[in-house]
């Protein structure tokens, strides 16, 4: 069962799916470790009613229209046949089951060349009363009324900065930012729970960043509360800095992240011997 803070975000996403899923792509946008994938999967299963009515995929730079909508395949005899991609498979399931919601969950939406991958779907996801013909098979397709496309992406990825107006107009974007409530609930659920003084110090990192970088915070915060999900004790906080956080803030041959000095000053566990709780 999700904690109270996470439950609130799940409810927000489910409500968006119910209200806008028949005409828009519901997109959860935020930096790494803000719980996008976790919330998206819970929300997708709730909206669909059963896990079997949810299909998960992840976009990447080499993902193609042929994989997503329809492509050509050579069979064992050497003949060339058209083959349905992921979207058409899910759409067929949703079309055959009009009494229930179905969800296609796309992780890392903006990592692919979206114009090339989505093709004509940009229009027909919105206008589901109209049909289109697939590129290779010439099959007439109508997007199922109860098929919802739910997606996640990092808005500061270089590929995300190139989202064109046609796609942007068809997205319903829900922001996922670091959440002190989710962080507190997550760390309180540890067994044993982290000391409250440690939890409060970790929560303060995001507060300080927001105070010092108010204009940049929503778009530039480098990570979210989920980056602390594997912490079992205060002793884990120095290795987290050394092995992960420092690498995110100070990358070779690049300028330090805008928040780097602020986070380093607010994060005392850069010293391997530091302990708030002796």
C-alpha atoms as a PDB file:
ATOM      1  CA  UNK A   1       0.000   0.000   0.000  1.00  0.00           C
ATOM      2  CA  UNK A   2       1.536   3.375  -0.970  1.00  0.00           C
ATOM      3  CA  UNK A   3       2.202   5.852   1.824  1.00  0.00           C
ATOM      4  CA  UNK A   4       0.003   8.932   2.184  1.00  0.00           C
ATOM      5  CA  UNK A   5       2.178  11.299   0.132  1.00  0.00           C
ATOM      6  CA  UNK A   6       2.605   8.792  -2.690  1.00  0.00           C
ATOM      7  CA  UNK A   7      -1.096   7.951  -2.597  1.00  0.00           C
ATOM      8  CA  UNK A   8      -1.898  11.591  -3.275  1.00  0.00           C
ATOM      9  CA  UNK A   9       0.218  11.574  -6.454  1.00  0.00           C
ATOM     10  CA  UNK A  10      -1.302   8.267  -7.571  1.00  0.00           C
ATOM     11  CA  UNK A  11      -4.775   9.746  -7.175  1.00  0.00           C
ATOM     12  CA  UNK A  12      -3.744  12.769  -9.247  1.00  0.00           C
ATOM     13  CA  UNK A  13      -2.493  10.580 -12.091  1.00  0.00           C
ATOM     14  CA  UNK A  14      -5.502   8.248 -12.027  1.00  0.00           C
ATOM     15  CA  UNK A  15      -7.828  11.255 -12.162  1.00  0.00           C
ATOM     16  CA  UNK A  16      -5.938  12.642 -15.181  1.00  0.00           C
ATOM     17  CA  UNK A  17      -6.144   9.263 -16.930  1.00  0.00           C
ATOM     18  CA  UNK A  18      -9.890   9.093 -16.315  1.00  0.00           C
ATOM     19  CA  UNK A  19     -10.552  12.640 -17.480  1.00  0.00           C
ATOM     20  CA  UNK A  20      -8.079  13.126 -20.322  1.00  0.00           C
ATOM     21  CA  UNK A  21      -6.835   9.659 -21.300  1.00  0.00           C
ATOM     22  CA  UNK A  22      -9.226   9.399 -24.247  1.00  0.00           C
ATOM     23  CA  UNK A  23      -7.731  12.407 -26.057  1.00  0.00           C
ATOM     24  CA  UNK A  24      -4.239  13.066 -24.638  1.00  0.00           C
ATOM     25  CA  UNK A  25      -1.014  11.398 -23.578  1.00  0.00           C
ATOM     26  CA  UNK A  26      -0.710  11.659 -19.797  1.00  0.00           C
ATOM     27  CA  UNK A  27       2.949  12.501 -19.114  1.00  0.00           C
ATOM     28  CA  UNK A  28       4.697  12.487 -15.739  1.00  0.00           C
ATOM     29  CA  UNK A  29       7.639  14.898 -15.922  1.00  0.00           C
ATOM     30  CA  UNK A  30      10.410  15.325 -13.411  1.00  0.00           C
ATOM     31  CA  UNK A  31      14.078  14.761 -12.582  1.00  0.00           C
ATOM     32  CA  UNK A  32      15.441  11.315 -11.729  1.00  0.00           C
ATOM     33  CA  UNK A  33      14.313   9.702  -8.470  1.00  0.00           C
ATOM     34  CA  UNK A  34      11.067  11.607  -7.993  1.00  0.00           C
ATOM     35  CA  UNK A  35       8.915   8.479  -8.089  1.00  0.00           C
ATOM     36  CA  UNK A  36       7.563   8.864 -11.627  1.00  0.00           C
ATOM     37  CA  UNK A  37       7.903   5.205 -12.598  1.00  0.00           C
ATOM     38  CA  UNK A  38       6.646   3.937  -9.244  1.00  0.00           C
ATOM     39  CA  UNK A  39       3.559   6.139  -9.287  1.00  0.00           C
ATOM     40  CA  UNK A  40       2.940   5.550 -13.004  1.00  0.00           C
ATOM     41  CA  UNK A  41       2.801   1.775 -12.599  1.00  0.00           C
ATOM     42  CA  UNK A  42       0.467   1.916  -9.594  1.00  0.00           C
ATOM     43  CA  UNK A  43      -1.773   4.447 -11.347  1.00  0.00           C
ATOM     44  CA  UNK A  44      -1.785   2.430 -14.582  1.00  0.00           C
ATOM     45  CA  UNK A  45      -2.886  -0.724 -12.789  1.00  0.00           C
ATOM     46  CA  UNK A  46      -5.572   1.126 -10.858  1.00  0.00           C
ATOM     47  CA  UNK A  47      -6.917   2.805 -13.969  1.00  0.00           C
ATOM     48  CA  UNK A  48      -6.901  -0.473 -15.899  1.00  0.00           C
ATOM     49  CA  UNK A  49      -8.228  -2.566 -13.028  1.00  0.00           C
ATOM     50  CA  UNK A  50      -5.914  -5.521 -13.717  1.00  0.00           C
ATOM     51  CA  UNK A  51      -2.144  -5.751 -14.333  1.00  0.00           C
ATOM     52  CA  UNK A  52      -2.872  -7.829 -17.439  1.00  0.00           C
ATOM     53  CA  UNK A  53      -4.441  -4.743 -19.040  1.00  0.00           C
ATOM     54  CA  UNK A  54      -1.204  -2.747 -18.658  1.00  0.00           C
ATOM     55  CA  UNK A  55       1.692  -3.002 -21.121  1.00  0.00           C
ATOM     56  CA  UNK A  56       5.055  -1.448 -20.210  1.00  0.00           C
ATOM     57  CA  UNK A  57       7.748  -0.429 -22.687  1.00  0.00           C
ATOM     58  CA  UNK A  58      10.771   1.864 -22.599  1.00  0.00           C
ATOM     59  CA  UNK A  59      11.761   4.173 -25.414  1.00  0.00           C
ATOM     60  CA  UNK A  60      15.409   4.622 -26.378  1.00  0.00           C
ATOM     61  CA  UNK A  61      17.370   6.319 -29.114  1.00  0.00           C
ATOM     62  CA  UNK A  62      17.094   3.449 -31.583  1.00  0.00           C
ATOM     63  CA  UNK A  63      13.387   2.757 -30.998  1.00  0.00           C
ATOM     64  CA  UNK A  64      11.497   2.937 -34.309  1.00  0.00           C
ATOM     65  CA  UNK A  65       8.066   3.296 -35.867  1.00  0.00           C
ATOM     66  CA  UNK A  66       8.428  -0.314 -37.017  1.00  0.00           C
ATOM     67  CA  UNK A  67       8.699  -1.485 -33.408  1.00  0.00           C
ATOM     68  CA  UNK A  68       5.971   0.808 -32.118  1.00  0.00           C
ATOM     69  CA  UNK A  69       3.273   0.807 -34.813  1.00  0.00           C
ATOM     70  CA  UNK A  70       4.033  -1.617 -37.639  1.00  0.00           C
ATOM     71  CA  UNK A  71       7.051  -2.958 -39.479  1.00  0.00           C
ATOM     72  CA  UNK A  72       8.225  -5.558 -41.937  1.00  0.00           C
ATOM     73  CA  UNK A  73       9.625  -8.943 -40.939  1.00  0.00           C
ATOM     74  CA  UNK A  74      11.222 -11.727 -42.958  1.00  0.00           C
ATOM     75  CA  UNK A  75       9.810 -15.150 -42.091  1.00  0.00           C
ATOM     76  CA  UNK A  76      11.551 -18.543 -42.269  1.00  0.00           C
ATOM     77  CA  UNK A  77      10.675 -18.931 -45.947  1.00  0.00           C
ATOM     78  CA  UNK A  78      12.219 -15.602 -46.840  1.00  0.00           C
ATOM     79  CA  UNK A  79       8.881 -13.899 -47.430  1.00  0.00           C
ATOM     80  CA  UNK A  80       8.408 -10.334 -46.201  1.00  0.00           C
ATOM     81  CA  UNK A  81       5.354  -9.785 -43.995  1.00  0.00           C
ATOM     82  CA  UNK A  82       4.062  -6.817 -42.082  1.00  0.00           C
ATOM     83  CA  UNK A  83       4.024  -7.228 -38.297  1.00  0.00           C
ATOM     84  CA  UNK A  84       2.132  -5.247 -35.698  1.00  0.00           C
ATOM     85  CA  UNK A  85       4.217  -3.213 -33.279  1.00  0.00           C
ATOM     86  CA  UNK A  86       3.601  -2.724 -29.580  1.00  0.00           C
ATOM     87  CA  UNK A  87       0.974  -0.037 -30.035  1.00  0.00           C
ATOM     88  CA  UNK A  88      -1.152  -1.999 -32.488  1.00  0.00           C
ATOM     89  CA  UNK A  89      -0.980  -5.085 -30.243  1.00  0.00           C
ATOM     90  CA  UNK A  90      -2.206  -3.107 -27.233  1.00  0.00           C
ATOM     91  CA  UNK A  91      -4.789  -1.281 -29.316  1.00  0.00           C
ATOM     92  CA  UNK A  92      -6.170  -4.573 -30.618  1.00  0.00           C
ATOM     93  CA  UNK A  93      -6.541  -5.830 -27.038  1.00  0.00           C
ATOM     94  CA  UNK A  94      -8.309  -2.626 -25.995  1.00  0.00           C
ATOM     95  CA  UNK A  95     -10.576  -2.700 -29.047  1.00  0.00           C
ATOM     96  CA  UNK A  96     -11.601  -6.294 -28.306  1.00  0.00           C
ATOM     97  CA  UNK A  97     -12.362  -5.402 -24.667  1.00  0.00           C
ATOM     98  CA  UNK A  98     -14.403  -2.173 -24.828  1.00  0.00           C
ATOM     99  CA  UNK A  99     -15.785  -2.547 -21.290  1.00  0.00           C
ATOM    100  CA  UNK A 100     -12.439  -1.986 -19.597  1.00  0.00           C
ATOM    101  CA  UNK A 101      -9.589   0.533 -19.581  1.00  0.00           C
ATOM    102  CA  UNK A 102      -6.246  -0.509 -21.018  1.00  0.00           C
ATOM    103  CA  UNK A 103      -2.959   1.342 -20.479  1.00  0.00           C
ATOM    104  CA  UNK A 104       0.214   1.558 -22.527  1.00  0.00           C
ATOM    105  CA  UNK A 105       2.911   2.781 -20.134  1.00  0.00           C
ATOM    106  CA  UNK A 106       5.924   4.320 -21.895  1.00  0.00           C
ATOM    107  CA  UNK A 107       9.035   4.985 -19.815  1.00  0.00           C
ATOM    108  CA  UNK A 108      11.546   7.604 -21.027  1.00  0.00           C
ATOM    109  CA  UNK A 109       9.141   9.014 -23.610  1.00  0.00           C
ATOM    110  CA  UNK A 110      11.521  11.651 -24.954  1.00  0.00           C
ATOM    111  CA  UNK A 111      14.508   9.362 -25.478  1.00  0.00           C
ATOM    112  CA  UNK A 112      13.168   8.281 -28.881  1.00  0.00           C
ATOM    113  CA  UNK A 113      12.759  10.370 -32.022  1.00  0.00           C
ATOM    114  CA  UNK A 114       9.107  10.996 -31.249  1.00  0.00           C
ATOM    115  CA  UNK A 115       8.020  12.375 -34.589  1.00  0.00           C
ATOM    116  CA  UNK A 116       9.402   9.318 -36.344  1.00  0.00           C
ATOM    117  CA  UNK A 117       8.197   6.764 -33.779  1.00  0.00           C
ATOM    118  CA  UNK A 118       4.668   8.051 -33.250  1.00  0.00           C
ATOM    119  CA  UNK A 119       4.005   9.019 -36.854  1.00  0.00           C
ATOM    120  CA  UNK A 120       0.324   9.582 -37.577  1.00  0.00           C
ATOM    121  CA  UNK A 121      -0.664   8.645 -34.022  1.00  0.00           C
ATOM    122  CA  UNK A 122      -0.132  12.246 -32.945  1.00  0.00           C
ATOM    123  CA  UNK A 123      -3.396  13.048 -34.696  1.00  0.00           C
ATOM    124  CA  UNK A 124      -5.377   9.885 -34.059  1.00  0.00           C
ATOM    125  CA  UNK A 125      -4.721   9.578 -30.336  1.00  0.00           C
ATOM    126  CA  UNK A 126      -6.602  12.851 -30.054  1.00  0.00           C
ATOM    127  CA  UNK A 127      -9.256  12.212 -32.728  1.00  0.00           C
ATOM    128  CA  UNK A 128     -10.359   8.663 -32.008  1.00  0.00           C
ATOM    129  CA  UNK A 129     -13.493   8.889 -34.087  1.00  0.00           C
ATOM    130  CA  UNK A 130     -11.222   8.883 -37.171  1.00  0.00           C
ATOM    131  CA  UNK A 131      -9.269   5.957 -38.585  1.00  0.00           C
ATOM    132  CA  UNK A 132      -5.896   5.766 -40.323  1.00  0.00           C
ATOM    133  CA  UNK A 133      -4.148   3.209 -42.520  1.00  0.00           C
ATOM    134  CA  UNK A 134      -0.919   1.593 -41.381  1.00  0.00           C
ATOM    135  CA  UNK A 135       2.163   2.321 -43.435  1.00  0.00           C
ATOM    136  CA  UNK A 136       3.078  -1.221 -44.492  1.00  0.00           C
ATOM    137  CA  UNK A 137      -0.066  -3.329 -44.213  1.00  0.00           C
ATOM    138  CA  UNK A 138      -2.577  -0.676 -45.188  1.00  0.00           C
ATOM    139  CA  UNK A 139      -4.789  -1.843 -42.324  1.00  0.00           C
ATOM    140  CA  UNK A 140      -7.489   0.553 -41.168  1.00  0.00           C
ATOM    141  CA  UNK A 141      -6.979   1.366 -37.479  1.00  0.00           C
ATOM    142  CA  UNK A 142      -9.018   3.378 -34.999  1.00  0.00           C
ATOM    143  CA  UNK A 143      -7.449   4.100 -31.612  1.00  0.00           C
ATOM    144  CA  UNK A 144      -9.547   2.382 -28.948  1.00  0.00           C
ATOM    145  CA  UNK A 145     -11.594   4.851 -26.862  1.00  0.00           C
ATOM    146  CA  UNK A 146     -10.501   3.277 -23.575  1.00  0.00           C
ATOM    147  CA  UNK A 147      -6.810   2.958 -24.339  1.00  0.00           C
ATOM    148  CA  UNK A 148      -4.767   5.393 -22.244  1.00  0.00           C
ATOM    149  CA  UNK A 149      -1.157   6.254 -23.054  1.00  0.00           C
ATOM    150  CA  UNK A 150       0.725   7.068 -19.856  1.00  0.00           C
ATOM    151  CA  UNK A 151       4.352   8.165 -20.081  1.00  0.00           C
ATOM    152  CA  UNK A 152       7.300   9.393 -18.024  1.00  0.00           C
ATOM    153  CA  UNK A 153      10.175  11.681 -18.978  1.00  0.00           C
ATOM    154  CA  UNK A 154      12.869  13.958 -17.589  1.00  0.00           C
ATOM    155  CA  UNK A 155      12.123  17.492 -18.856  1.00  0.00           C
ATOM    156  CA  UNK A 156      15.770  18.556 -18.815  1.00  0.00           C
ATOM    157  CA  UNK A 157      17.020  15.701 -20.967  1.00  0.00           C
ATOM    158  CA  UNK A 158      18.420  17.156 -24.163  1.00  0.00           C
ATOM    159  CA  UNK A 159      15.877  15.188 -26.186  1.00  0.00           C
ATOM    160  CA  UNK A 160      13.007  16.564 -24.088  1.00  0.00           C
ATOM    161  CA  UNK A 161      14.008  20.116 -24.955  1.00  0.00           C
ATOM    162  CA  UNK A 162      13.200  19.361 -28.583  1.00  0.00           C
ATOM    163  CA  UNK A 163       9.557  18.349 -28.100  1.00  0.00           C
ATOM    164  CA  UNK A 164       7.681  20.039 -30.923  1.00  0.00           C
ATOM    165  CA  UNK A 165       4.467  21.993 -30.565  1.00  0.00           C
ATOM    166  CA  UNK A 166       2.340  19.279 -32.168  1.00  0.00           C
ATOM    167  CA  UNK A 167       3.296  16.764 -29.490  1.00  0.00           C
ATOM    168  CA  UNK A 168       3.285  19.260 -26.640  1.00  0.00           C
ATOM    169  CA  UNK A 169      -0.298  20.181 -27.464  1.00  0.00           C
ATOM    170  CA  UNK A 170      -1.314  16.544 -27.038  1.00  0.00           C
ATOM    171  CA  UNK A 171       0.355  16.034 -23.655  1.00  0.00           C
ATOM    172  CA  UNK A 172      -1.215  16.479 -20.240  1.00  0.00           C
ATOM    173  CA  UNK A 173       1.879  17.022 -18.088  1.00  0.00           C
ATOM    174  CA  UNK A 174       1.916  16.313 -14.357  1.00  0.00           C
ATOM    175  CA  UNK A 175       5.006  17.635 -12.570  1.00  0.00           C
ATOM    176  CA  UNK A 176       6.990  15.350 -10.285  1.00  0.00           C
ATOM    177  CA  UNK A 177       9.373  17.283  -8.045  1.00  0.00           C
ATOM    178  CA  UNK A 178      11.227  16.253  -4.877  1.00  0.00           C
ATOM    179  CA  UNK A 179       8.594  15.697  -2.207  1.00  0.00           C
ATOM    180  CA  UNK A 180       9.504  16.047   1.461  1.00  0.00           C
ATOM    181  CA  UNK A 181       6.366  14.181   2.469  1.00  0.00           C
ATOM    182  CA  UNK A 182       7.229  11.186   0.310  1.00  0.00           C
ATOM    183  CA  UNK A 183      10.815  11.292   1.583  1.00  0.00           C
ATOM    184  CA  UNK A 184       9.691  11.310   5.221  1.00  0.00           C
ATOM    185  CA  UNK A 185       7.206   8.474   4.633  1.00  0.00           C
ATOM    186  CA  UNK A 186       9.791   6.433   2.740  1.00  0.00           C
ATOM    187  CA  UNK A 187      12.470   6.741   5.427  1.00  0.00           C
ATOM    188  CA  UNK A 188       9.991   6.202   8.268  1.00  0.00           C
ATOM    189  CA  UNK A 189       9.101   2.859   6.708  1.00  0.00           C
ATOM    190  CA  UNK A 190      12.673   1.591   7.113  1.00  0.00           C
ATOM    191  CA  UNK A 191      13.230  -1.114   9.712  1.00  0.00           C
ATOM    192  CA  UNK A 192      14.601   0.315  11.891  1.00  0.00           C
ATOM    193  CA  UNK A 193      13.515   3.813  10.794  1.00  0.00           C
ATOM    194  CA  UNK A 194      16.193   6.443  10.290  1.00  0.00           C
ATOM    195  CA  UNK A 195      16.554   8.879  13.221  1.00  0.00           C
ATOM    196  CA  UNK A 196      14.301  11.891  12.813  1.00  0.00           C
ATOM    197  CA  UNK A 197      17.245  14.308  12.925  1.00  0.00           C
ATOM    198  CA  UNK A 198      18.757  12.565   9.885  1.00  0.00           C
ATOM    199  CA  UNK A 199      15.441  12.606   8.014  1.00  0.00           C
ATOM    200  CA  UNK A 200      14.989  16.323   8.720  1.00  0.00           C
ATOM    201  CA  UNK A 201      18.514  17.091   7.488  1.00  0.00           C
ATOM    202  CA  UNK A 202      17.875  15.241   4.246  1.00  0.00           C
ATOM    203  CA  UNK A 203      14.538  17.000   3.785  1.00  0.00           C
ATOM    204  CA  UNK A 204      16.243  20.343   4.318  1.00  0.00           C
ATOM    205  CA  UNK A 205      18.456  19.822   1.265  1.00  0.00           C
ATOM    206  CA  UNK A 206      15.495  20.350  -1.063  1.00  0.00           C
ATOM    207  CA  UNK A 207      14.187  23.254   1.006  1.00  0.00           C
ATOM    208  CA  UNK A 208      17.552  25.010   0.859  1.00  0.00           C
ATOM    209  CA  UNK A 209      17.853  24.442  -2.889  1.00  0.00           C
ATOM    210  CA  UNK A 210      14.418  25.926  -3.450  1.00  0.00           C
ATOM    211  CA  UNK A 211      15.232  28.955  -1.289  1.00  0.00           C
ATOM    212  CA  UNK A 212      18.572  29.632  -2.992  1.00  0.00           C
ATOM    213  CA  UNK A 213      17.470  28.841  -6.550  1.00  0.00           C
ATOM    214  CA  UNK A 214      13.758  29.735  -6.675  1.00  0.00           C
ATOM    215  CA  UNK A 215      13.653  30.439 -10.408  1.00  0.00           C
ATOM    216  CA  UNK A 216      15.624  27.359 -11.438  1.00  0.00           C
ATOM    217  CA  UNK A 217      14.336  24.875  -8.873  1.00  0.00           C
ATOM    218  CA  UNK A 218      11.397  23.383 -10.772  1.00  0.00           C
ATOM    219  CA  UNK A 219      13.396  22.755 -13.918  1.00  0.00           C
ATOM    220  CA  UNK A 220      16.955  22.264 -12.666  1.00  0.00           C
ATOM    221  CA  UNK A 221      16.831  20.262  -9.420  1.00  0.00           C
ATOM    222  CA  UNK A 222      19.177  17.351 -10.268  1.00  0.00           C
ATOM    223  CA  UNK A 223      17.510  14.506  -8.377  1.00  0.00           C
ATOM    224  CA  UNK A 224      14.533  13.728  -6.184  1.00  0.00           C
ATOM    225  CA  UNK A 225      13.739  12.098  -2.864  1.00  0.00           C
ATOM    226  CA  UNK A 226      13.985   8.593  -4.340  1.00  0.00           C
ATOM    227  CA  UNK A 227      17.766   8.905  -4.490  1.00  0.00           C
ATOM    228  CA  UNK A 228      17.679   8.080  -0.761  1.00  0.00           C
ATOM    229  CA  UNK A 229      15.507   4.978  -1.146  1.00  0.00           C
ATOM    230  CA  UNK A 230      18.341   2.511  -0.473  1.00  0.00           C
ATOM    231  CA  UNK A 231      19.531   4.208   2.703  1.00  0.00           C
ATOM    232  CA  UNK A 232      19.287   1.792   5.649  1.00  0.00           C
ATOM    233  CA  UNK A 233      21.335   3.795   8.156  1.00  0.00           C
ATOM    234  CA  UNK A 234      23.241   7.051   8.468  1.00  0.00           C
ATOM    235  CA  UNK A 235      26.424   5.170   7.584  1.00  0.00           C
ATOM    236  CA  UNK A 236      25.084   4.734   4.029  1.00  0.00           C
ATOM    237  CA  UNK A 237      25.023   8.463   3.351  1.00  0.00           C
ATOM    238  CA  UNK A 238      28.752   8.917   2.740  1.00  0.00           C
ATOM    239  CA  UNK A 239      28.921   6.085   0.136  1.00  0.00           C
ATOM    240  CA  UNK A 240      25.840   7.575  -1.515  1.00  0.00           C
ATOM    241  CA  UNK A 241      27.663  10.884  -1.861  1.00  0.00           C
ATOM    242  CA  UNK A 242      30.904   9.358  -3.068  1.00  0.00           C
ATOM    243  CA  UNK A 243      29.411   6.817  -5.464  1.00  0.00           C
ATOM    244  CA  UNK A 244      26.384   8.643  -6.837  1.00  0.00           C
ATOM    245  CA  UNK A 245      25.534  12.214  -5.812  1.00  0.00           C
ATOM    246  CA  UNK A 246      28.998  13.673  -6.384  1.00  0.00           C
ATOM    247  CA  UNK A 247      29.085  12.067  -9.827  1.00  0.00           C
ATOM    248  CA  UNK A 248      25.754  13.653 -10.745  1.00  0.00           C
ATOM    249  CA  UNK A 249      26.805  17.123  -9.618  1.00  0.00           C
ATOM    250  CA  UNK A 250      30.407  17.184 -10.857  1.00  0.00           C
ATOM    251  CA  UNK A 251      30.776  15.531 -14.235  1.00  0.00           C
ATOM    252  CA  UNK A 252      34.152  15.346 -16.014  1.00  0.00           C
ATOM    253  CA  UNK A 253      34.794  18.020 -18.639  1.00  0.00           C
ATOM    254  CA  UNK A 254      31.555  19.831 -17.756  1.00  0.00           C
ATOM    255  CA  UNK A 255      30.724  22.756 -15.525  1.00  0.00           C
ATOM    256  CA  UNK A 256      29.398  21.749 -12.090  1.00  0.00           C
ATOM    257  CA  UNK A 257      25.644  21.517 -11.809  1.00  0.00           C
ATOM    258  CA  UNK A 258      23.976  24.830 -10.930  1.00  0.00           C
ATOM    259  CA  UNK A 259      22.996  23.464  -7.512  1.00  0.00           C
ATOM    260  CA  UNK A 260      26.283  21.645  -6.840  1.00  0.00           C
ATOM    261  CA  UNK A 261      27.759  23.976  -4.232  1.00  0.00           C
ATOM    262  CA  UNK A 262      24.403  24.442  -2.505  1.00  0.00           C
ATOM    263  CA  UNK A 263      23.814  20.697  -2.195  1.00  0.00           C
ATOM    264  CA  UNK A 264      27.372  19.982  -1.099  1.00  0.00           C
ATOM    265  CA  UNK A 265      27.127  22.618   1.651  1.00  0.00           C
ATOM    266  CA  UNK A 266      23.783  21.214   2.841  1.00  0.00           C
ATOM    267  CA  UNK A 267      24.918  17.581   2.762  1.00  0.00           C
ATOM    268  CA  UNK A 268      27.319  16.982   5.674  1.00  0.00           C
ATOM    269  CA  UNK A 269      28.012  13.340   4.807  1.00  0.00           C
ATOM    270  CA  UNK A 270      30.695  14.308   2.295  1.00  0.00           C
ATOM    271  CA  UNK A 271      32.988  13.535   5.247  1.00  0.00           C
ATOM    272  CA  UNK A 272      33.213   9.749   5.791  1.00  0.00           C
ATOM    273  CA  UNK A 273      33.484  10.259   9.557  1.00  0.00           C
ATOM    274  CA  UNK A 274      30.524  12.601   9.986  1.00  0.00           C
ATOM    275  CA  UNK A 275      27.551  11.410  12.047  1.00  0.00           C
ATOM    276  CA  UNK A 276      24.544  13.330  13.300  1.00  0.00           C
ATOM    277  CA  UNK A 277      23.761  10.424  15.605  1.00  0.00           C
ATOM    278  CA  UNK A 278      26.855   9.078  17.407  1.00  0.00           C
END
